[in-house]
Amino acid sequence: MRRRGEESRFWWLVPTIYIILLLLPIYWLVNMSFKTNQEILGAFSLWPKNPT
């Protein structure tokens, strides 16, 4: 039998991952707006080196 805490954690993990996946395109859009064209077309980076 599972403990109640483990089951509760699982049911919080699923919506948390779903929300993160929903917010990823918004993050991508905002991140690209601060990058130069060379940074967008160059190597992958999570943060812009020289925000415009």
Protein backbone atom coordinates (compact mmCIF):
# COMPACT_ATOMS: atom_id res chain seq x y z
CA MET A 1 0.00 0.00 0.00
CA ARG A 2 1.10 3.51 -0.72
CA ARG A 3 1.36 6.14 1.87
CA ARG A 4 -0.90 9.13 1.53
CA GLY A 5 2.06 11.54 1.21
CA GLU A 6 3.57 9.71 -1.76
CA GLU A 7 0.25 9.69 -3.59
CA SER A 8 -0.27 13.38 -2.86
CA ARG A 9 3.20 14.21 -4.22
CA PHE A 10 2.44 12.41 -7.47
CA TRP A 11 -0.79 14.35 -8.00
CA TRP A 12 1.03 17.65 -7.44
CA LEU A 13 3.90 16.65 -9.73
CA VAL A 14 1.69 16.07 -12.79
CA PRO A 15 0.08 19.56 -12.88
CA THR A 16 3.41 21.19 -12.02
CA ILE A 17 5.12 19.60 -15.02
CA TYR A 18 2.13 20.50 -17.20
CA ILE A 19 2.28 24.17 -16.13
CA ILE A 20 6.03 24.30 -16.78
CA LEU A 21 5.47 22.93 -20.29
CA LEU A 22 2.75 25.51 -20.90
CA LEU A 23 5.00 28.38 -19.78
CA LEU A 24 7.99 27.26 -21.87
CA PRO A 25 6.83 28.98 -25.12
CA ILE A 26 6.24 32.25 -23.23
CA TYR A 27 9.74 32.07 -21.76
CA TRP A 28 11.13 31.31 -25.23
CA LEU A 29 9.34 34.33 -26.72
CA VAL A 30 10.56 36.73 -24.04
CA ASN A 31 14.08 35.31 -24.18
CA MET A 32 14.29 35.71 -27.97
CA SER A 33 13.11 39.31 -27.76
CA PHE A 34 16.25 40.21 -25.78
CA LYS A 35 18.72 38.40 -28.06
CA THR A 36 20.50 39.74 -31.10
CA ASN A 37 20.07 38.01 -34.46
CA GLN A 38 23.53 36.48 -34.15
CA GLU A 39 22.66 34.97 -30.77
CA ILE A 40 19.35 33.59 -32.08
CA LEU A 41 21.00 31.95 -35.08
CA GLY A 42 24.16 30.92 -33.19
CA ALA A 43 24.75 28.45 -30.41
CA PHE A 44 22.04 27.55 -27.92
CA SER A 45 21.98 29.55 -24.69
CA LEU A 46 19.35 29.93 -21.99
CA TRP A 47 20.15 33.60 -21.25
CA PRO A 48 21.06 36.42 -23.66
CA LYS A 49 24.71 37.49 -23.43
CA ASN A 50 24.14 41.07 -24.57
CA PRO A 51 20.50 42.09 -24.07
CA THR A 52 19.29 44.54 -26.68
